Amino acid sequence: MPLYEYRCDACEHSFEALQKMSDEPLIHCPACDEATLRKLVSAGGFRLKGEGWYETDFKNSGKKRNLADSGKSESTTKKNDVA
C-alpha cells in the first residue's frame, strides 16, 4: 500500500497516511478536525542509488556486463558487415 501525504489548509498540519489506491482521499484533519485536507503530490520513496546496480545482476552473462553498451556495438558491427 502506498503512502500519501496530506496537508491541512486551515492549520497547515502535514502527515502521511498509508492507504489503498482505491480508498477515498481523507478529508478531515486529525489535528484541527476541519474538512480542509489536501492530498499532496510527492516523490516516491524508491530510489536506486550507488554504482551500476544492473551490472551486478548480470555477472554470469560472460563479457556482457553493460547491456546498453553491448547493443550499440552489435549494431555497429552489423552495419560494417553489410557494407
PDB file of N, CA and C in Angstrom:
ATOM      1  N   MET A   1       0.841  -1.186   0.000  1.00  0.00           N
ATOM      2  CA  MET A   1       0.000   0.000   0.000  1.00  0.00           C
ATOM      3  C   MET A   1       0.881   1.241   0.000  1.00  0.00           C
ATOM      4  N   PRO A   2       0.523   2.209  -0.807  1.00  0.00           N
ATOM      5  CA  PRO A   2       1.333   3.428  -0.886  1.00  0.00           C
ATOM      6  C   PRO A   2       1.070   4.395   0.258  1.00  0.00           C
ATOM      7  N   LEU A   3       2.059   5.219   0.506  1.00  0.00           N
ATOM      8  CA  LEU A   3       1.943   6.305   1.470  1.00  0.00           C
ATOM      9  C   LEU A   3       1.527   7.565   0.731  1.00  0.00           C
ATOM     10  N   TYR A   4       0.542   8.269   1.264  1.00  0.00           N
ATOM     11  CA  TYR A   4       0.099   9.527   0.692  1.00  0.00           C
ATOM     12  C   TYR A   4       0.362  10.641   1.695  1.00  0.00           C
ATOM     13  N   GLU A   5       0.757  11.795   1.176  1.00  0.00           N
ATOM     14  CA  GLU A   5       0.985  12.953   2.034  1.00  0.00           C
ATOM     15  C   GLU A   5      -0.226  13.868   1.965  1.00  0.00           C
ATOM     16  N   TYR A   6      -0.589  14.411   3.121  1.00  0.00           N
ATOM     17  CA  TYR A   6      -1.709  15.337   3.228  1.00  0.00           C
ATOM     18  C   TYR A   6      -1.262  16.580   3.980  1.00  0.00           C
ATOM     19  N   ARG A   7      -1.904  17.709   3.655  1.00  0.00           N
ATOM     20  CA  ARG A   7      -1.679  18.946   4.396  1.00  0.00           C
ATOM     21  C   ARG A   7      -3.024  19.641   4.586  1.00  0.00           C
ATOM     22  N   CYS A   8      -3.228  20.153   5.784  1.00  0.00           N
ATOM     23  CA  CYS A   8      -4.458  20.863   6.113  1.00  0.00           C
ATOM     24  C   CYS A   8      -4.299  22.332   5.720  1.00  0.00           C
ATOM     25  N   ASP A   9      -5.269  22.862   4.989  1.00  0.00           N
ATOM     26  CA  ASP A   9      -5.238  24.269   4.605  1.00  0.00           C
ATOM     27  C   ASP A   9      -5.546  25.188   5.783  1.00  0.00           C
ATOM     28  N   ALA A  10      -6.260  24.703   6.778  1.00  0.00           N
ATOM     29  CA  ALA A  10      -6.638  25.532   7.924  1.00  0.00           C
ATOM     30  C   ALA A  10      -5.492  25.703   8.920  1.00  0.00           C
ATOM     31  N   CYS A  11      -4.877  24.594   9.358  1.00  0.00           N
ATOM     32  CA  CYS A  11      -3.836  24.678  10.395  1.00  0.00           C
ATOM     33  C   CYS A  11      -2.436  24.339   9.871  1.00  0.00           C
ATOM     34  N   GLU A  12      -2.318  23.985   8.585  1.00  0.00           N
ATOM     35  CA  GLU A  12      -1.053  23.624   7.931  1.00  0.00           C
ATOM     36  C   GLU A  12      -0.380  22.396   8.534  1.00  0.00           C
ATOM     37  N   HIS A  13      -1.161  21.560   9.215  1.00  0.00           N
ATOM     38  CA  HIS A  13      -0.650  20.287   9.729  1.00  0.00           C
ATOM     39  C   HIS A  13      -0.423  19.355   8.536  1.00  0.00           C
ATOM     40  N   SER A  14       0.747  18.711   8.477  1.00  0.00           N
ATOM     41  CA  SER A  14       1.014  17.760   7.394  1.00  0.00           C
ATOM     42  C   SER A  14       1.358  16.405   7.990  1.00  0.00           C
ATOM     43  N   PHE A  15       0.956  15.353   7.267  1.00  0.00           N
ATOM     44  CA  PHE A  15       1.193  13.994   7.739  1.00  0.00           C
ATOM     45  C   PHE A  15       1.118  13.041   6.559  1.00  0.00           C
ATOM     46  N   GLU A  16       1.527  11.799   6.800  1.00  0.00           N
ATOM     47  CA  GLU A  16       1.445  10.738   5.803  1.00  0.00           C
ATOM     48  C   GLU A  16       0.405   9.718   6.237  1.00  0.00           C
ATOM     49  N   ALA A  17      -0.285   9.148   5.267  1.00  0.00           N
ATOM     50  CA  ALA A  17      -1.300   8.136   5.559  1.00  0.00           C
ATOM     51  C   ALA A  17      -1.079   6.941   4.639  1.00  0.00           C
ATOM     52  N   LEU A  18      -1.108   5.752   5.203  1.00  0.00           N
ATOM     53  CA  LEU A  18      -0.983   4.513   4.450  1.00  0.00           C
ATOM     54  C   LEU A  18      -2.384   4.112   4.000  1.00  0.00           C
ATOM     55  N   GLN A  19      -2.618   4.148   2.681  1.00  0.00           N
ATOM     56  CA  GLN A  19      -3.951   3.873   2.155  1.00  0.00           C
ATOM     57  C   GLN A  19      -3.859   2.997   0.919  1.00  0.00           C
ATOM     58  N   LYS A  20      -4.940   2.301   0.633  1.00  0.00           N
ATOM     59  CA  LYS A  20      -5.058   1.576  -0.622  1.00  0.00           C
ATOM     60  C   LYS A  20      -5.271   2.591  -1.737  1.00  0.00           C
ATOM     61  N   MET A  21      -4.910   2.212  -2.953  1.00  0.00           N
ATOM     62  CA  MET A  21      -5.119   3.112  -4.082  1.00  0.00           C
ATOM     63  C   MET A  21      -6.599   3.347  -4.345  1.00  0.00           C
ATOM     64  N   SER A  22      -7.439   2.406  -3.978  1.00  0.00           N
ATOM     65  CA  SER A  22      -8.872   2.525  -4.220  1.00  0.00           C
ATOM     66  C   SER A  22      -9.603   3.292  -3.112  1.00  0.00           C
ATOM     67  N   ASP A  23      -8.927   3.605  -1.999  1.00  0.00           N
ATOM     68  CA  ASP A  23      -9.554   4.344  -0.899  1.00  0.00           C
ATOM     69  C   ASP A  23      -9.837   5.792  -1.303  1.00  0.00           C
ATOM     70  N   GLU A  24     -10.893   6.328  -0.739  1.00  0.00           N
ATOM     71  CA  GLU A  24     -11.224   7.737  -0.949  1.00  0.00           C
ATOM     72  C   GLU A  24     -10.192   8.598  -0.223  1.00  0.00           C
ATOM     73  N   PRO A  25      -9.865   9.769  -0.770  1.00  0.00           N
ATOM     74  CA  PRO A  25      -8.924  10.659  -0.080  1.00  0.00           C
ATOM     75  C   PRO A  25      -9.485  11.116   1.278  1.00  0.00           C
ATOM     76  N   LEU A  26      -8.587  11.325   2.231  1.00  0.00           N
ATOM     77  CA  LEU A  26      -9.007  11.806   3.538  1.00  0.00           C
ATOM     78  C   LEU A  26      -9.476  13.258   3.422  1.00  0.00           C
ATOM     79  N   ILE A  27     -10.422  13.633   4.282  1.00  0.00           N
ATOM     80  CA  ILE A  27     -10.993  14.978   4.232  1.00  0.00           C
ATOM     81  C   ILE A  27     -10.737  15.736   5.529  1.00  0.00           C
ATOM     82  N   HIS A  28     -10.907  15.060   6.658  1.00  0.00           N
ATOM     83  CA  HIS A  28     -10.821  15.730   7.967  1.00  0.00           C
ATOM     84  C   HIS A  28      -9.410  15.659   8.536  1.00  0.00           C
ATOM     85  N   CYS A  29      -8.934  16.816   8.999  1.00  0.00           N
ATOM     86  CA  CYS A  29      -7.608  16.928   9.598  1.00  0.00           C
ATOM     87  C   CYS A  29      -7.626  16.304  11.000  1.00  0.00           C
ATOM     88  N   PRO A  30      -6.648  15.460  11.339  1.00  0.00           N
ATOM     89  CA  PRO A  30      -6.622  14.871  12.678  1.00  0.00           C
ATOM     90  C   PRO A  30      -6.211  15.880  13.759  1.00  0.00           C
ATOM     91  N   ALA A  31      -5.585  16.989  13.379  1.00  0.00           N
ATOM     92  CA  ALA A  31      -5.152  17.987  14.365  1.00  0.00           C
ATOM     93  C   ALA A  31      -6.259  18.973  14.720  1.00  0.00           C
ATOM     94  N   CYS A  32      -6.948  19.531  13.716  1.00  0.00           N
ATOM     95  CA  CYS A  32      -7.961  20.560  13.996  1.00  0.00           C
ATOM     96  C   CYS A  32      -9.378  20.115  13.665  1.00  0.00           C
ATOM     97  N   ASP A  33      -9.545  18.949  13.069  1.00  0.00           N
ATOM     98  CA  ASP A  33     -10.836  18.353  12.706  1.00  0.00           C
ATOM     99  C   ASP A  33     -11.622  19.175  11.680  1.00  0.00           C
ATOM    100  N   GLU A  34     -10.951  20.029  10.939  1.00  0.00           N
ATOM    101  CA  GLU A  34     -11.593  20.763   9.847  1.00  0.00           C
ATOM    102  C   GLU A  34     -11.572  19.893   8.588  1.00  0.00           C
ATOM    103  N   ALA A  35     -12.498  20.128   7.686  1.00  0.00           N
ATOM    104  CA  ALA A  35     -12.583  19.364   6.441  1.00  0.00           C
ATOM    105  C   ALA A  35     -11.813  20.085   5.337  1.00  0.00           C
ATOM    106  N   THR A  36     -10.528  20.353   5.589  1.00  0.00           N
ATOM    107  CA  THR A  36      -9.726  21.132   4.639  1.00  0.00           C
ATOM    108  C   THR A  36      -8.422  20.425   4.263  1.00  0.00           C
ATOM    109  N   LEU A  37      -8.425  19.103   4.266  1.00  0.00           N
ATOM    110  CA  LEU A  37      -7.211  18.369   3.885  1.00  0.00           C
ATOM    111  C   LEU A  37      -7.024  18.380   2.378  1.00  0.00           C
ATOM    112  N   ARG A  38      -5.783  18.435   1.966  1.00  0.00           N
ATOM    113  CA  ARG A  38      -5.441  18.368   0.553  1.00  0.00           C
ATOM    114  C   ARG A  38      -4.354  17.309   0.368  1.00  0.00           C
ATOM    115  N   LYS A  39      -4.561  16.427  -0.599  1.00  0.00           N
ATOM    116  CA  LYS A  39      -3.556  15.397  -0.906  1.00  0.00           C
ATOM    117  C   LYS A  39      -2.439  16.063  -1.711  1.00  0.00           C
ATOM    118  N   LEU A  40      -1.196  15.823  -1.297  1.00  0.00           N
ATOM    119  CA  LEU A  40      -0.044  16.431  -1.955  1.00  0.00           C
ATOM    120  C   LEU A  40       0.567  15.485  -2.967  1.00  0.00           C
ATOM    121  N   VAL A  41       1.199  16.046  -3.967  1.00  0.00           N
ATOM    122  CA  VAL A  41       1.956  15.267  -4.940  1.00  0.00           C
ATOM    123  C   VAL A  41       3.391  15.247  -4.445  1.00  0.00           C
ATOM    124  N   SER A  42       3.949  14.063  -4.283  1.00  0.00           N
ATOM    125  CA  SER A  42       5.299  13.966  -3.740  1.00  0.00           C
ATOM    126  C   SER A  42       6.079  12.882  -4.463  1.00  0.00           C
ATOM    127  N   ALA A  43       7.374  12.893  -4.253  1.00  0.00           N
ATOM    128  CA  ALA A  43       8.245  11.895  -4.863  1.00  0.00           C
ATOM    129  C   ALA A  43       8.094  10.560  -4.147  1.00  0.00           C
ATOM    130  N   GLY A  44       8.255   9.513  -4.894  1.00  0.00           N
ATOM    131  CA  GLY A  44       8.187   8.180  -4.304  1.00  0.00           C
ATOM    132  C   GLY A  44       9.406   7.892  -3.444  1.00  0.00           C
ATOM    133  N   GLY A  45       9.274   6.936  -2.544  1.00  0.00           N
ATOM    134  CA  GLY A  45      10.359   6.605  -1.640  1.00  0.00           C
ATOM    135  C   GLY A  45      11.352   5.612  -2.200  1.00  0.00           C
ATOM    136  N   PHE A  46      11.163   5.161  -3.415  1.00  0.00           N
ATOM    137  CA  PHE A  46      12.026   4.149  -4.016  1.00  0.00           C
ATOM    138  C   PHE A  46      13.094   4.827  -4.868  1.00  0.00           C
ATOM    139  N   ARG A  47      14.359   4.592  -4.541  1.00  0.00           N
ATOM    140  CA  ARG A  47      15.459   5.159  -5.306  1.00  0.00           C
ATOM    141  C   ARG A  47      16.524   4.097  -5.529  1.00  0.00           C
ATOM    142  N   LEU A  48      17.121   4.146  -6.692  1.00  0.00           N
ATOM    143  CA  LEU A  48      18.241   3.269  -6.989  1.00  0.00           C
ATOM    144  C   LEU A  48      19.500   4.095  -6.840  1.00  0.00           C
ATOM    145  N   LYS A  49      20.238   3.843  -5.769  1.00  0.00           N
ATOM    146  CA  LYS A  49      21.447   4.613  -5.502  1.00  0.00           C
ATOM    147  C   LYS A  49      22.662   3.721  -5.628  1.00  0.00           C
ATOM    148  N   GLY A  50      23.797   4.351  -5.772  1.00  0.00           N
ATOM    149  CA  GLY A  50      25.037   3.601  -5.776  1.00  0.00           C
ATOM    150  C   GLY A  50      25.553   3.355  -7.174  1.00  0.00           C
ATOM    151  N   GLU A  51      26.498   2.452  -7.262  1.00  0.00           N
ATOM    152  CA  GLU A  51      27.098   2.130  -8.545  1.00  0.00           C
ATOM    153  C   GLU A  51      26.138   1.289  -9.367  1.00  0.00           C
ATOM    154  N   GLY A  52      26.384   1.163 -10.644  1.00  0.00           N
ATOM    155  CA  GLY A  52      25.518   0.479 -11.592  1.00  0.00           C
ATOM    156  C   GLY A  52      24.883  -0.776 -11.056  1.00  0.00           C
ATOM    157  N   TRP A  53      23.687  -0.686 -10.565  1.00  0.00           N
ATOM    158  CA  TRP A  53      23.033  -1.811  -9.909  1.00  0.00           C
ATOM    159  C   TRP A  53      22.767  -2.961 -10.855  1.00  0.00           C
ATOM    160  N   TYR A  54      22.520  -2.689 -12.127  1.00  0.00           N
ATOM    161  CA  TYR A  54      22.202  -3.788 -13.038  1.00  0.00           C
ATOM    162  C   TYR A  54      23.441  -4.564 -13.454  1.00  0.00           C
ATOM    163  N   GLU A  55      24.619  -3.974 -13.367  1.00  0.00           N
ATOM    164  CA  GLU A  55      25.836  -4.714 -13.723  1.00  0.00           C
ATOM    165  C   GLU A  55      26.030  -5.910 -12.810  1.00  0.00           C
ATOM    166  N   THR A  56      25.745  -5.750 -11.545  1.00  0.00           N
ATOM    167  CA  THR A  56      25.936  -6.851 -10.600  1.00  0.00           C
ATOM    168  C   THR A  56      24.880  -7.930 -10.786  1.00  0.00           C
ATOM    169  N   ASP A  57      23.736  -7.598 -11.387  1.00  0.00           N
ATOM    170  CA  ASP A  57      22.685  -8.589 -11.610  1.00  0.00           C
ATOM    171  C   ASP A  57      23.030  -9.556 -12.743  1.00  0.00           C
ATOM    172  N   PHE A  58      23.919  -9.158 -13.659  1.00  0.00           N
ATOM    173  CA  PHE A  58      24.229  -9.970 -14.816  1.00  0.00           C
ATOM    174  C   PHE A  58      25.687 -10.429 -14.830  1.00  0.00           C
ATOM    175  N   LYS A  59      26.252 -10.724 -13.675  1.00  0.00           N
ATOM    176  CA  LYS A  59      27.663 -11.130 -13.603  1.00  0.00           C
ATOM    177  C   LYS A  59      27.927 -12.429 -14.353  1.00  0.00           C
ATOM    178  N   ASN A  60      26.972 -13.345 -14.421  1.00  0.00           N
ATOM    179  CA  ASN A  60      27.187 -14.651 -15.031  1.00  0.00           C
ATOM    180  C   ASN A  60      26.983 -14.647 -16.540  1.00  0.00           C
ATOM    181  N   SER A  61      26.762 -13.508 -17.141  1.00  0.00           N
ATOM    182  CA  SER A  61      26.469 -13.488 -18.573  1.00  0.00           C
ATOM    183  C   SER A  61      27.722 -13.275 -19.408  1.00  0.00           C
ATOM    184  N   GLY A  62      28.881 -13.654 -18.898  1.00  0.00           N
ATOM    185  CA  GLY A  62      30.117 -13.580 -19.680  1.00  0.00           C
ATOM    186  C   GLY A  62      30.643 -12.174 -19.808  1.00  0.00           C
ATOM    187  N   LYS A  63      30.950 -11.795 -21.068  1.00  0.00           N
ATOM    188  CA  LYS A  63      31.542 -10.487 -21.310  1.00  0.00           C
ATOM    189  C   LYS A  63      30.513  -9.365 -21.332  1.00  0.00           C
ATOM    190  N   LYS A  64      29.229  -9.680 -21.417  1.00  0.00           N
ATOM    191  CA  LYS A  64      28.187  -8.662 -21.481  1.00  0.00           C
ATOM    192  C   LYS A  64      27.888  -8.129 -20.082  1.00  0.00           C
ATOM    193  N   ARG A  65      28.681  -7.183 -19.638  1.00  0.00           N
ATOM    194  CA  ARG A  65      28.460  -6.602 -18.317  1.00  0.00           C
ATOM    195  C   ARG A  65      27.521  -5.417 -18.399  1.00  0.00           C
ATOM    196  N   ASN A  66      27.602  -4.634 -19.454  1.00  0.00           N
ATOM    197  CA  ASN A  66      26.749  -3.470 -19.605  1.00  0.00           C
ATOM    198  C   ASN A  66      25.881  -3.680 -20.839  1.00  0.00           C
ATOM    199  N   LEU A  67      24.620  -3.995 -20.635  1.00  0.00           N
ATOM    200  CA  LEU A  67      23.745  -4.346 -21.747  1.00  0.00           C
ATOM    201  C   LEU A  67      23.505  -3.180 -22.691  1.00  0.00           C
ATOM    202  N   ALA A  68      23.504  -1.950 -22.179  1.00  0.00           N
ATOM    203  CA  ALA A  68      23.284  -0.789 -23.040  1.00  0.00           C
ATOM    204  C   ALA A  68      24.433  -0.631 -24.022  1.00  0.00           C
ATOM    205  N   ASP A  69      25.659  -0.824 -23.581  1.00  0.00           N
ATOM    206  CA  ASP A  69      26.818  -0.704 -24.473  1.00  0.00           C
ATOM    207  C   ASP A  69      26.894  -1.859 -25.460  1.00  0.00           C
ATOM    208  N   SER A  70      26.487  -3.054 -25.053  1.00  0.00           N
ATOM    209  CA  SER A  70      26.581  -4.198 -25.945  1.00  0.00           C
ATOM    210  C   SER A  70      25.632  -4.049 -27.128  1.00  0.00           C
ATOM    211  N   GLY A  71      24.487  -3.413 -26.937  1.00  0.00           N
ATOM    212  CA  GLY A  71      23.550  -3.189 -28.041  1.00  0.00           C
ATOM    213  C   GLY A  71      24.122  -2.257 -29.080  1.00  0.00           C
ATOM    214  N   LYS A  72      24.866  -1.248 -28.668  1.00  0.00           N
ATOM    215  CA  LYS A  72      25.465  -0.300 -29.598  1.00  0.00           C
ATOM    216  C   LYS A  72      26.555  -0.976 -30.427  1.00  0.00           C
ATOM    217  N   SER A  73      27.370  -1.800 -29.794  1.00  0.00           N
ATOM    218  CA  SER A  73      28.470  -2.430 -30.519  1.00  0.00           C
ATOM    219  C   SER A  73      27.955  -3.450 -31.525  1.00  0.00           C
ATOM    220  N   GLU A  74      26.865  -4.142 -31.216  1.00  0.00           N
ATOM    221  CA  GLU A  74      26.305  -5.113 -32.147  1.00  0.00           C
ATOM    222  C   GLU A  74      25.754  -4.420 -33.379  1.00  0.00           C
ATOM    223  N   SER A  75      25.068  -3.294 -33.205  1.00  0.00           N
ATOM    224  CA  SER A  75      24.505  -2.594 -34.347  1.00  0.00           C
ATOM    225  C   SER A  75      25.616  -2.018 -35.226  1.00  0.00           C
ATOM    226  N   THR A  76      26.730  -1.601 -34.633  1.00  0.00           N
ATOM    227  CA  THR A  76      27.861  -1.075 -35.388  1.00  0.00           C
ATOM    228  C   THR A  76      28.498  -2.173 -36.220  1.00  0.00           C
ATOM    229  N   THR A  77      28.666  -3.359 -35.642  1.00  0.00           N
ATOM    230  CA  THR A  77      29.287  -4.458 -36.387  1.00  0.00           C
ATOM    231  C   THR A  77      28.364  -4.937 -37.503  1.00  0.00           C
ATOM    232  N   LYS A  78      27.065  -4.913 -37.322  1.00  0.00           N
ATOM    233  CA  LYS A  78      26.136  -5.315 -38.370  1.00  0.00           C
ATOM    234  C   LYS A  78      26.211  -4.372 -39.554  1.00  0.00           C
ATOM    235  N   LYS A  79      26.336  -3.072 -39.292  1.00  0.00           N
ATOM    236  CA  LYS A  79      26.442  -2.095 -40.375  1.00  0.00           C
ATOM    237  C   LYS A  79      27.738  -2.309 -41.159  1.00  0.00           C
ATOM    238  N   ASN A  80      28.816  -2.615 -40.458  1.00  0.00           N
ATOM    239  CA  ASN A  80      30.089  -2.837 -41.133  1.00  0.00           C
ATOM    240  C   ASN A  80      30.099  -4.118 -41.951  1.00  0.00           C
ATOM    241  N   ASP A  81      29.382  -5.138 -41.480  1.00  0.00           N
ATOM    242  CA  ASP A  81      29.342  -6.414 -42.204  1.00  0.00           C
ATOM    243  C   ASP A  81      28.546  -6.277 -43.499  1.00  0.00           C
ATOM    244  N   VAL A  82      27.491  -5.464 -43.475  1.00  0.00           N
ATOM    245  CA  VAL A  82      26.620  -5.324 -44.628  1.00  0.00           C
ATOM    246  C   VAL A  82      27.309  -4.527 -45.736  1.00  0.00           C
ATOM    247  N   ALA A  83      28.067  -3.530 -45.377  1.00  0.00           N
ATOM    248  CA  ALA A  83      28.678  -2.636 -46.375  1.00  0.00           C
ATOM    249  C   ALA A  83      29.792  -3.240 -47.134  1.00  0.00           C
TER     250      ALA A  83
END
